[in-house]
N, C-alpha and C. Protein backbone atom coordinates (compact mmCIF):
# COMPACT_ATOMS: atom_id res chain seq x y z
N MET A 1 2.69 -32.54 -9.46
CA MET A 1 2.47 -32.07 -10.82
C MET A 1 3.68 -32.39 -11.68
N ARG A 2 4.87 -32.34 -11.09
CA ARG A 2 6.09 -32.58 -11.88
C ARG A 2 6.13 -33.99 -12.44
N GLY A 3 5.55 -34.96 -11.72
CA GLY A 3 5.58 -36.33 -12.16
C GLY A 3 4.51 -36.66 -13.18
N GLU A 4 3.58 -35.78 -13.38
CA GLU A 4 2.45 -36.03 -14.30
C GLU A 4 2.64 -35.27 -15.61
N ASP A 5 2.01 -35.74 -16.62
CA ASP A 5 1.94 -35.00 -17.87
C ASP A 5 0.93 -33.88 -17.65
N TRP A 6 1.36 -32.62 -17.71
CA TRP A 6 0.45 -31.54 -17.33
C TRP A 6 -0.69 -31.37 -18.31
N PHE A 7 -0.53 -31.83 -19.56
CA PHE A 7 -1.66 -31.80 -20.49
C PHE A 7 -2.80 -32.67 -19.98
N THR A 8 -2.46 -33.78 -19.38
CA THR A 8 -3.47 -34.66 -18.80
C THR A 8 -4.19 -33.95 -17.67
N LEU A 9 -3.44 -33.20 -16.87
CA LEU A 9 -4.05 -32.45 -15.76
C LEU A 9 -5.00 -31.38 -16.27
N VAL A 10 -4.62 -30.71 -17.36
CA VAL A 10 -5.46 -29.65 -17.91
C VAL A 10 -6.77 -30.24 -18.45
N GLU A 11 -6.67 -31.38 -19.14
CA GLU A 11 -7.87 -31.99 -19.71
C GLU A 11 -8.67 -32.77 -18.66
N TRP A 12 -8.09 -32.94 -17.50
CA TRP A 12 -8.69 -33.74 -16.44
C TRP A 12 -10.07 -33.24 -16.04
N HIS A 13 -10.24 -31.93 -16.02
CA HIS A 13 -11.51 -31.38 -15.56
C HIS A 13 -11.71 -30.02 -16.20
N HIS A 14 -12.89 -29.73 -16.67
CA HIS A 14 -13.16 -28.44 -17.33
C HIS A 14 -13.89 -27.48 -16.41
N SER A 15 -13.66 -27.58 -15.13
CA SER A 15 -14.29 -26.66 -14.17
C SER A 15 -13.35 -25.48 -13.91
N SER A 16 -13.78 -24.57 -13.05
CA SER A 16 -12.92 -23.44 -12.72
C SER A 16 -11.68 -23.90 -11.98
N ASP A 17 -11.79 -24.99 -11.20
CA ASP A 17 -10.61 -25.52 -10.53
C ASP A 17 -9.61 -26.04 -11.55
N GLY A 18 -10.11 -26.70 -12.59
CA GLY A 18 -9.23 -27.19 -13.65
C GLY A 18 -8.54 -26.05 -14.37
N GLU A 19 -9.26 -24.96 -14.59
CA GLU A 19 -8.67 -23.78 -15.23
C GLU A 19 -7.60 -23.17 -14.35
N ARG A 20 -7.86 -23.11 -13.05
CA ARG A 20 -6.85 -22.57 -12.12
C ARG A 20 -5.61 -23.46 -12.11
N LEU A 21 -5.83 -24.75 -12.14
CA LEU A 21 -4.71 -25.69 -12.16
C LEU A 21 -3.89 -25.52 -13.44
N ALA A 22 -4.57 -25.35 -14.57
CA ALA A 22 -3.87 -25.14 -15.84
C ALA A 22 -3.07 -23.85 -15.80
N LYS A 23 -3.67 -22.79 -15.27
CA LYS A 23 -2.97 -21.51 -15.18
C LYS A 23 -1.76 -21.63 -14.26
N ALA A 24 -1.93 -22.31 -13.14
CA ALA A 24 -0.81 -22.51 -12.21
C ALA A 24 0.30 -23.31 -12.87
N ALA A 25 -0.07 -24.34 -13.65
CA ALA A 25 0.93 -25.16 -14.34
C ALA A 25 1.71 -24.31 -15.34
N LEU A 26 1.01 -23.48 -16.12
CA LEU A 26 1.69 -22.61 -17.09
C LEU A 26 2.57 -21.59 -16.40
N ASP A 27 2.05 -21.00 -15.32
CA ASP A 27 2.86 -20.03 -14.57
C ASP A 27 4.13 -20.67 -14.03
N ALA A 28 4.01 -21.91 -13.51
CA ALA A 28 5.17 -22.60 -12.96
C ALA A 28 6.21 -22.90 -14.05
N ILE A 29 5.72 -23.28 -15.22
CA ILE A 29 6.64 -23.61 -16.32
C ILE A 29 7.40 -22.38 -16.80
N PHE A 30 6.68 -21.26 -16.93
CA PHE A 30 7.30 -20.07 -17.50
C PHE A 30 7.79 -19.05 -16.47
N LYS A 31 7.78 -19.40 -15.20
CA LYS A 31 8.16 -18.46 -14.14
C LYS A 31 9.57 -17.90 -14.31
N ASP A 32 10.51 -18.75 -14.71
CA ASP A 32 11.91 -18.31 -14.83
C ASP A 32 12.26 -17.77 -16.21
N SER A 33 11.31 -17.76 -17.12
CA SER A 33 11.58 -17.21 -18.44
C SER A 33 11.62 -15.69 -18.36
N ALA A 34 12.12 -15.06 -19.40
CA ALA A 34 12.20 -13.59 -19.44
C ALA A 34 10.81 -12.96 -19.28
N GLN A 35 9.81 -13.57 -19.93
CA GLN A 35 8.45 -13.05 -19.84
C GLN A 35 7.91 -13.21 -18.41
N GLY A 36 8.23 -14.33 -17.77
CA GLY A 36 7.76 -14.57 -16.41
C GLY A 36 8.38 -13.58 -15.43
N VAL A 37 9.66 -13.32 -15.59
CA VAL A 37 10.34 -12.35 -14.72
C VAL A 37 9.77 -10.95 -14.95
N ALA A 38 9.54 -10.60 -16.22
CA ALA A 38 8.96 -9.28 -16.54
C ALA A 38 7.57 -9.14 -15.94
N LYS A 39 6.78 -10.20 -15.99
CA LYS A 39 5.44 -10.17 -15.41
C LYS A 39 5.51 -9.93 -13.91
N ASP A 40 6.45 -10.63 -13.24
CA ASP A 40 6.61 -10.44 -11.79
C ASP A 40 7.03 -9.01 -11.46
N LEU A 41 7.93 -8.45 -12.27
CA LEU A 41 8.39 -7.07 -12.03
C LEU A 41 7.26 -6.07 -12.25
N ALA A 42 6.45 -6.30 -13.27
CA ALA A 42 5.32 -5.39 -13.54
C ALA A 42 4.33 -5.43 -12.38
N LEU A 43 4.03 -6.63 -11.89
CA LEU A 43 3.12 -6.76 -10.76
C LEU A 43 3.70 -6.11 -9.52
N GLU A 44 4.99 -6.29 -9.30
CA GLU A 44 5.66 -5.68 -8.14
C GLU A 44 5.57 -4.16 -8.21
N SER A 45 5.75 -3.62 -9.39
CA SER A 45 5.64 -2.17 -9.58
C SER A 45 4.22 -1.68 -9.28
N ARG A 46 3.22 -2.41 -9.77
CA ARG A 46 1.83 -2.03 -9.49
C ARG A 46 1.53 -2.13 -8.00
N LEU A 47 2.07 -3.14 -7.34
CA LEU A 47 1.83 -3.30 -5.90
C LEU A 47 2.45 -2.16 -5.10
N GLU A 48 3.61 -1.68 -5.53
CA GLU A 48 4.23 -0.54 -4.85
C GLU A 48 3.36 0.71 -5.01
N GLY A 49 2.78 0.89 -6.19
CA GLY A 49 1.88 2.02 -6.40
C GLY A 49 0.63 1.91 -5.54
N ILE A 50 0.10 0.70 -5.41
CA ILE A 50 -1.08 0.47 -4.57
C ILE A 50 -0.75 0.76 -3.11
N GLU A 51 0.44 0.34 -2.70
CA GLU A 51 0.87 0.59 -1.32
C GLU A 51 0.99 2.10 -1.05
N GLU A 52 1.53 2.84 -2.02
CA GLU A 52 1.64 4.30 -1.87
C GLU A 52 0.26 4.93 -1.76
N THR A 53 -0.71 4.42 -2.54
CA THR A 53 -2.08 4.93 -2.46
C THR A 53 -2.65 4.69 -1.07
N LEU A 54 -2.40 3.53 -0.52
CA LEU A 54 -2.88 3.22 0.83
C LEU A 54 -2.22 4.12 1.86
N TRP A 55 -0.92 4.35 1.71
CA TRP A 55 -0.22 5.24 2.65
C TRP A 55 -0.80 6.65 2.62
N SER A 56 -1.23 7.10 1.46
CA SER A 56 -1.70 8.49 1.35
C SER A 56 -3.16 8.67 1.74
N ALA A 57 -3.84 7.59 2.09
CA ALA A 57 -5.25 7.70 2.51
C ALA A 57 -5.33 8.25 3.93
N GLN A 58 -6.06 9.36 4.09
CA GLN A 58 -6.19 9.96 5.42
C GLN A 58 -6.87 9.02 6.40
N ASP A 59 -7.79 8.20 5.92
CA ASP A 59 -8.48 7.26 6.80
C ASP A 59 -7.52 6.29 7.47
N LEU A 60 -6.40 6.01 6.82
CA LEU A 60 -5.41 5.10 7.40
C LEU A 60 -4.98 5.61 8.77
N TRP A 61 -4.87 6.94 8.88
CA TRP A 61 -4.38 7.55 10.11
C TRP A 61 -5.51 7.88 11.08
N PHE A 62 -6.75 7.93 10.58
CA PHE A 62 -7.90 8.22 11.43
C PHE A 62 -8.82 7.00 11.48
N GLY A 63 -8.46 5.99 12.22
CA GLY A 63 -9.32 4.83 12.40
C GLY A 63 -9.09 3.68 11.45
N GLY A 64 -8.28 3.85 10.42
CA GLY A 64 -7.95 2.77 9.50
C GLY A 64 -8.80 2.75 8.25
N VAL A 65 -8.26 2.14 7.19
CA VAL A 65 -8.93 2.00 5.90
C VAL A 65 -9.65 0.65 5.87
N ILE A 66 -10.90 0.63 5.43
CA ILE A 66 -11.64 -0.62 5.29
C ILE A 66 -11.05 -1.37 4.10
N LEU A 67 -10.45 -2.52 4.37
CA LEU A 67 -9.73 -3.26 3.34
C LEU A 67 -10.63 -3.67 2.18
N GLU A 68 -11.82 -4.13 2.48
CA GLU A 68 -12.72 -4.58 1.42
C GLU A 68 -13.04 -3.46 0.44
N ASP A 69 -13.30 -2.26 0.95
CA ASP A 69 -13.58 -1.12 0.09
C ASP A 69 -12.35 -0.72 -0.73
N PHE A 70 -11.19 -0.78 -0.10
CA PHE A 70 -9.96 -0.42 -0.78
C PHE A 70 -9.66 -1.37 -1.94
N LEU A 71 -9.94 -2.65 -1.74
CA LEU A 71 -9.63 -3.67 -2.75
C LEU A 71 -10.57 -3.64 -3.95
N LYS A 72 -11.74 -3.01 -3.81
CA LYS A 72 -12.73 -3.00 -4.90
C LYS A 72 -12.20 -2.37 -6.18
N SER A 73 -11.29 -1.42 -6.05
CA SER A 73 -10.78 -0.73 -7.24
C SER A 73 -9.67 -1.50 -7.94
N LEU A 74 -9.26 -2.64 -7.40
CA LEU A 74 -8.15 -3.41 -7.96
C LEU A 74 -8.64 -4.58 -8.79
N GLN A 75 -7.81 -5.02 -9.72
CA GLN A 75 -8.10 -6.23 -10.48
C GLN A 75 -7.88 -7.44 -9.58
N GLN A 76 -8.47 -8.57 -9.94
CA GLN A 76 -8.40 -9.76 -9.08
C GLN A 76 -6.96 -10.19 -8.80
N GLU A 77 -6.11 -10.19 -9.82
CA GLU A 77 -4.71 -10.59 -9.62
C GLU A 77 -4.02 -9.65 -8.64
N GLU A 78 -4.30 -8.34 -8.77
CA GLU A 78 -3.70 -7.36 -7.87
C GLU A 78 -4.23 -7.53 -6.45
N ARG A 79 -5.53 -7.81 -6.32
CA ARG A 79 -6.12 -8.02 -4.99
C ARG A 79 -5.42 -9.15 -4.26
N ASP A 80 -5.31 -10.29 -4.94
CA ASP A 80 -4.69 -11.46 -4.31
C ASP A 80 -3.25 -11.17 -3.91
N ALA A 81 -2.50 -10.60 -4.83
CA ALA A 81 -1.08 -10.31 -4.56
C ALA A 81 -0.93 -9.26 -3.46
N PHE A 82 -1.81 -8.25 -3.46
CA PHE A 82 -1.70 -7.20 -2.45
C PHE A 82 -2.06 -7.74 -1.06
N CYS A 83 -3.04 -8.62 -0.99
CA CYS A 83 -3.40 -9.22 0.30
C CYS A 83 -2.24 -10.04 0.86
N VAL A 84 -1.57 -10.78 -0.01
CA VAL A 84 -0.40 -11.55 0.42
C VAL A 84 0.68 -10.60 0.92
N ARG A 85 0.92 -9.54 0.15
CA ARG A 85 1.95 -8.56 0.53
C ARG A 85 1.58 -7.88 1.85
N LEU A 86 0.32 -7.58 2.03
CA LEU A 86 -0.16 -6.92 3.25
C LEU A 86 0.12 -7.77 4.48
N MET A 87 -0.09 -9.07 4.35
CA MET A 87 0.11 -9.97 5.48
C MET A 87 1.59 -10.24 5.75
N GLU A 88 2.44 -10.07 4.74
CA GLU A 88 3.87 -10.34 4.90
C GLU A 88 4.66 -9.13 5.39
N THR A 89 4.10 -7.95 5.26
CA THR A 89 4.84 -6.73 5.59
C THR A 89 4.57 -6.27 7.01
N ASN A 90 5.51 -5.52 7.54
CA ASN A 90 5.33 -4.90 8.86
C ASN A 90 4.88 -3.44 8.73
N SER A 91 4.76 -2.97 7.49
CA SER A 91 4.38 -1.57 7.26
C SER A 91 2.93 -1.30 7.64
N PHE A 92 2.09 -2.33 7.49
CA PHE A 92 0.67 -2.19 7.81
C PHE A 92 0.26 -3.27 8.79
N ARG A 93 -0.81 -2.96 9.52
CA ARG A 93 -1.38 -3.92 10.47
C ARG A 93 -2.85 -4.10 10.12
N PHE A 94 -3.30 -5.34 9.99
CA PHE A 94 -4.68 -5.63 9.64
C PHE A 94 -5.44 -6.07 10.88
N ASP A 95 -6.53 -5.38 11.19
CA ASP A 95 -7.38 -5.73 12.32
C ASP A 95 -8.52 -6.60 11.80
N GLN A 96 -8.49 -7.89 12.11
CA GLN A 96 -9.49 -8.82 11.57
C GLN A 96 -10.88 -8.55 12.13
N SER A 97 -10.97 -8.05 13.35
CA SER A 97 -12.30 -7.81 13.93
C SER A 97 -13.04 -6.68 13.24
N SER A 98 -12.32 -5.65 12.81
CA SER A 98 -12.97 -4.51 12.15
C SER A 98 -12.82 -4.53 10.64
N GLY A 99 -11.88 -5.34 10.12
CA GLY A 99 -11.63 -5.37 8.68
C GLY A 99 -10.88 -4.15 8.19
N ARG A 100 -10.19 -3.48 9.09
CA ARG A 100 -9.48 -2.24 8.74
C ARG A 100 -7.96 -2.44 8.76
N VAL A 101 -7.31 -1.66 7.91
CA VAL A 101 -5.86 -1.65 7.83
C VAL A 101 -5.36 -0.38 8.52
N HIS A 102 -4.35 -0.54 9.36
CA HIS A 102 -3.73 0.57 10.10
C HIS A 102 -2.24 0.61 9.77
N PRO A 103 -1.60 1.75 9.98
CA PRO A 103 -0.15 1.77 9.77
C PRO A 103 0.54 0.89 10.80
N GLY A 104 1.53 0.15 10.36
CA GLY A 104 2.28 -0.69 11.28
C GLY A 104 3.29 0.12 12.06
N ARG A 105 3.79 1.16 11.44
CA ARG A 105 4.70 2.07 12.13
C ARG A 105 4.14 3.47 12.00
N THR A 106 4.50 4.32 12.89
CA THR A 106 3.88 5.65 12.94
C THR A 106 4.86 6.70 12.42
N ASP A 107 5.23 6.57 11.19
CA ASP A 107 6.18 7.46 10.55
C ASP A 107 5.58 8.86 10.40
N LEU A 108 6.24 9.86 10.94
CA LEU A 108 5.72 11.23 10.92
C LEU A 108 5.63 11.78 9.50
N ARG A 109 6.60 11.47 8.66
CA ARG A 109 6.56 11.99 7.29
C ARG A 109 5.34 11.46 6.55
N ARG A 110 5.08 10.15 6.66
CA ARG A 110 3.91 9.55 6.00
C ARG A 110 2.62 10.16 6.54
N CYS A 111 2.57 10.33 7.84
CA CYS A 111 1.38 10.90 8.46
C CYS A 111 1.14 12.33 7.94
N THR A 112 2.19 13.12 7.86
CA THR A 112 2.08 14.51 7.38
C THR A 112 1.68 14.53 5.91
N GLU A 113 2.25 13.65 5.11
CA GLU A 113 1.87 13.57 3.70
C GLU A 113 0.38 13.28 3.56
N ALA A 114 -0.12 12.37 4.38
CA ALA A 114 -1.55 12.02 4.32
C ALA A 114 -2.43 13.21 4.68
N MET A 115 -1.98 14.04 5.60
CA MET A 115 -2.77 15.22 5.97
C MET A 115 -2.82 16.23 4.84
N LEU A 116 -1.75 16.28 4.04
CA LEU A 116 -1.63 17.33 3.02
C LEU A 116 -2.00 16.89 1.60
N ILE A 117 -2.13 15.60 1.39
CA ILE A 117 -2.22 15.05 0.03
C ILE A 117 -3.37 15.64 -0.79
N GLY A 118 -4.51 15.87 -0.19
CA GLY A 118 -5.66 16.34 -0.97
C GLY A 118 -5.86 17.84 -0.92
N GLU A 119 -4.95 18.54 -0.28
CA GLU A 119 -5.12 19.99 -0.12
C GLU A 119 -4.55 20.75 -1.30
N GLU A 120 -5.29 21.74 -1.76
CA GLU A 120 -4.82 22.56 -2.87
C GLU A 120 -4.20 23.87 -2.38
N ASP A 121 -4.68 24.36 -1.24
CA ASP A 121 -4.17 25.61 -0.69
C ASP A 121 -3.33 25.33 0.54
N PRO A 122 -2.39 26.24 0.85
CA PRO A 122 -1.59 26.04 2.06
C PRO A 122 -2.46 26.02 3.31
N LEU A 123 -2.11 25.16 4.23
CA LEU A 123 -2.81 25.07 5.51
C LEU A 123 -1.96 25.72 6.58
N PRO A 124 -2.59 26.33 7.56
CA PRO A 124 -1.80 26.85 8.69
C PRO A 124 -1.12 25.69 9.42
N LEU A 125 0.08 25.91 9.82
CA LEU A 125 0.85 24.88 10.52
C LEU A 125 0.11 24.39 11.77
N THR A 126 -0.60 25.28 12.44
CA THR A 126 -1.33 24.88 13.65
C THR A 126 -2.41 23.85 13.33
N TRP A 127 -3.06 23.95 12.17
CA TRP A 127 -4.08 22.98 11.77
C TRP A 127 -3.45 21.61 11.51
N ILE A 128 -2.33 21.64 10.78
CA ILE A 128 -1.64 20.38 10.48
C ILE A 128 -1.20 19.70 11.77
N LEU A 129 -0.64 20.51 12.68
CA LEU A 129 -0.19 19.98 13.96
C LEU A 129 -1.35 19.35 14.73
N GLU A 130 -2.49 20.02 14.73
CA GLU A 130 -3.67 19.50 15.43
C GLU A 130 -4.19 18.21 14.79
N LEU A 131 -4.22 18.16 13.45
CA LEU A 131 -4.65 16.95 12.76
C LEU A 131 -3.73 15.77 13.08
N ILE A 132 -2.44 16.00 13.06
CA ILE A 132 -1.49 14.93 13.35
C ILE A 132 -1.64 14.45 14.79
N ARG A 133 -1.86 15.37 15.71
CA ARG A 133 -2.08 14.98 17.11
C ARG A 133 -3.36 14.15 17.25
N LYS A 134 -4.40 14.50 16.48
CA LYS A 134 -5.67 13.77 16.57
C LYS A 134 -5.56 12.33 16.11
N THR A 135 -4.57 12.03 15.26
CA THR A 135 -4.40 10.63 14.85
C THR A 135 -4.07 9.75 16.04
N GLY A 136 -3.49 10.33 17.07
CA GLY A 136 -3.10 9.56 18.25
C GLY A 136 -1.71 8.96 18.15
N PHE A 137 -1.09 9.05 16.98
CA PHE A 137 0.24 8.46 16.80
C PHE A 137 1.36 9.39 17.27
N HIS A 138 1.11 10.68 17.26
CA HIS A 138 2.13 11.67 17.66
C HIS A 138 1.51 12.70 18.61
N PRO A 139 1.06 12.28 19.79
CA PRO A 139 0.33 13.18 20.68
C PRO A 139 1.18 14.31 21.26
N ASN A 140 2.49 14.13 21.35
CA ASN A 140 3.36 15.14 21.96
C ASN A 140 4.12 15.98 20.94
N LEU A 141 3.69 15.92 19.69
CA LEU A 141 4.36 16.66 18.63
C LEU A 141 4.21 18.16 18.85
N GLU A 142 5.30 18.88 18.68
CA GLU A 142 5.30 20.34 18.84
C GLU A 142 5.59 21.01 17.50
N ARG A 143 5.23 22.27 17.42
CA ARG A 143 5.40 23.05 16.19
C ARG A 143 6.86 23.03 15.74
N TYR A 144 7.77 23.20 16.67
CA TYR A 144 9.19 23.22 16.36
C TYR A 144 9.63 21.89 15.74
N ASP A 145 9.13 20.78 16.28
CA ASP A 145 9.50 19.46 15.76
C ASP A 145 9.10 19.32 14.29
N LEU A 146 7.90 19.77 13.98
CA LEU A 146 7.40 19.67 12.61
C LEU A 146 8.19 20.57 11.66
N LEU A 147 8.51 21.77 12.09
CA LEU A 147 9.31 22.68 11.26
C LEU A 147 10.71 22.10 11.00
N ARG A 148 11.31 21.55 12.03
CA ARG A 148 12.64 20.97 11.89
C ARG A 148 12.61 19.77 10.94
N ARG A 149 11.60 18.93 11.08
CA ARG A 149 11.47 17.77 10.19
C ARG A 149 11.24 18.23 8.76
N ARG A 150 10.44 19.27 8.58
CA ARG A 150 10.16 19.74 7.23
C ARG A 150 11.44 20.16 6.53
N SER A 151 12.31 20.85 7.23
CA SER A 151 13.57 21.26 6.61
C SER A 151 14.43 20.04 6.27
N MET A 152 14.40 19.01 7.11
CA MET A 152 15.13 17.77 6.80
C MET A 152 14.53 17.10 5.58
N TRP A 153 13.20 17.04 5.50
CA TRP A 153 12.53 16.40 4.37
C TRP A 153 12.88 17.10 3.06
N ARG A 154 12.95 18.43 3.11
CA ARG A 154 13.28 19.19 1.91
C ARG A 154 14.69 18.91 1.44
N THR A 155 15.65 18.87 2.38
CA THR A 155 17.04 18.67 1.98
C THR A 155 17.31 17.24 1.53
N GLN A 156 16.57 16.29 2.05
CA GLN A 156 16.77 14.89 1.67
C GLN A 156 15.93 14.50 0.46
N TYR A 157 15.11 15.39 -0.07
CA TYR A 157 14.24 15.13 -1.20
C TYR A 157 13.25 13.99 -0.91
N ASP A 158 12.98 13.76 0.36
CA ASP A 158 12.00 12.74 0.73
C ASP A 158 10.58 13.27 0.62
N PHE A 159 10.44 14.57 0.63
CA PHE A 159 9.12 15.17 0.70
C PHE A 159 8.93 16.03 -0.55
N PRO A 160 8.03 15.66 -1.45
CA PRO A 160 7.86 16.42 -2.70
C PRO A 160 7.52 17.89 -2.44
N ASP A 161 8.08 18.76 -3.26
CA ASP A 161 7.86 20.20 -3.09
C ASP A 161 6.38 20.57 -3.11
N GLU A 162 5.59 19.87 -3.94
CA GLU A 162 4.19 20.23 -4.04
C GLU A 162 3.42 19.92 -2.75
N MET A 163 4.05 19.15 -1.84
CA MET A 163 3.38 18.84 -0.58
C MET A 163 3.79 19.80 0.54
N ILE A 164 4.75 20.64 0.29
CA ILE A 164 5.15 21.62 1.30
C ILE A 164 4.14 22.75 1.22
N LEU A 165 3.02 22.60 1.89
CA LEU A 165 1.89 23.50 1.69
C LEU A 165 1.59 24.38 2.90
N TRP A 166 2.15 24.07 4.03
CA TRP A 166 1.72 24.84 5.17
C TRP A 166 2.39 26.20 5.26
N ARG A 167 1.69 27.12 5.88
CA ARG A 167 2.20 28.47 6.08
C ARG A 167 2.99 28.48 7.38
N GLU A 168 4.05 29.26 7.41
CA GLU A 168 4.83 29.40 8.63
C GLU A 168 4.00 30.16 9.65
C-alpha cells in the first residue's frame, strides 16, 4: 500500500472490501496523529470496561460465559478488538469446542466479587463459601481463609465497600 497512491486503491473497487481497504488506509495514515492516539485510548478504556463486565459474570465461574451471547451487546469495532484482546491475554481461556470463556486464573477476589455482584442484601458467609467451592476453583477454601482475605481486601482498597455484603 505504501508504494501505491491510496486514492487509486480507494477508487479501485466500490465493494465492502474496497471500503474496508479505504478505512484501513485512513487508519494507517492517521494512527500516529493526536486523534489516532486518542481513538486508541478510548477503545482501550472501553475494552477494560468490557473485561470487567466479563469478570463479574457469575456464569464465568460456573461453566463459563458463552462468547457469542456476550458479544451481542457490543458494537462491531468493540467485538473485533475484544476478541483479539481475549486471544492475547492469559486472564481468560476460550474453549473452542463449547464456545465458552473461562477464567484463565482462579483469583479468589474476582470469584468472590462475582458471587456478590448482583446481591442487594447481605449473604451468610456459609452460602458464599459454598458457592465459591461449587465453582471448583477453590474446593479447599475455609471460612477463616475468606475472612482473612476480606480484611486484606478492605485494607488494600481492592474490594469496594458496597461488595462487602456477607454477614459474619
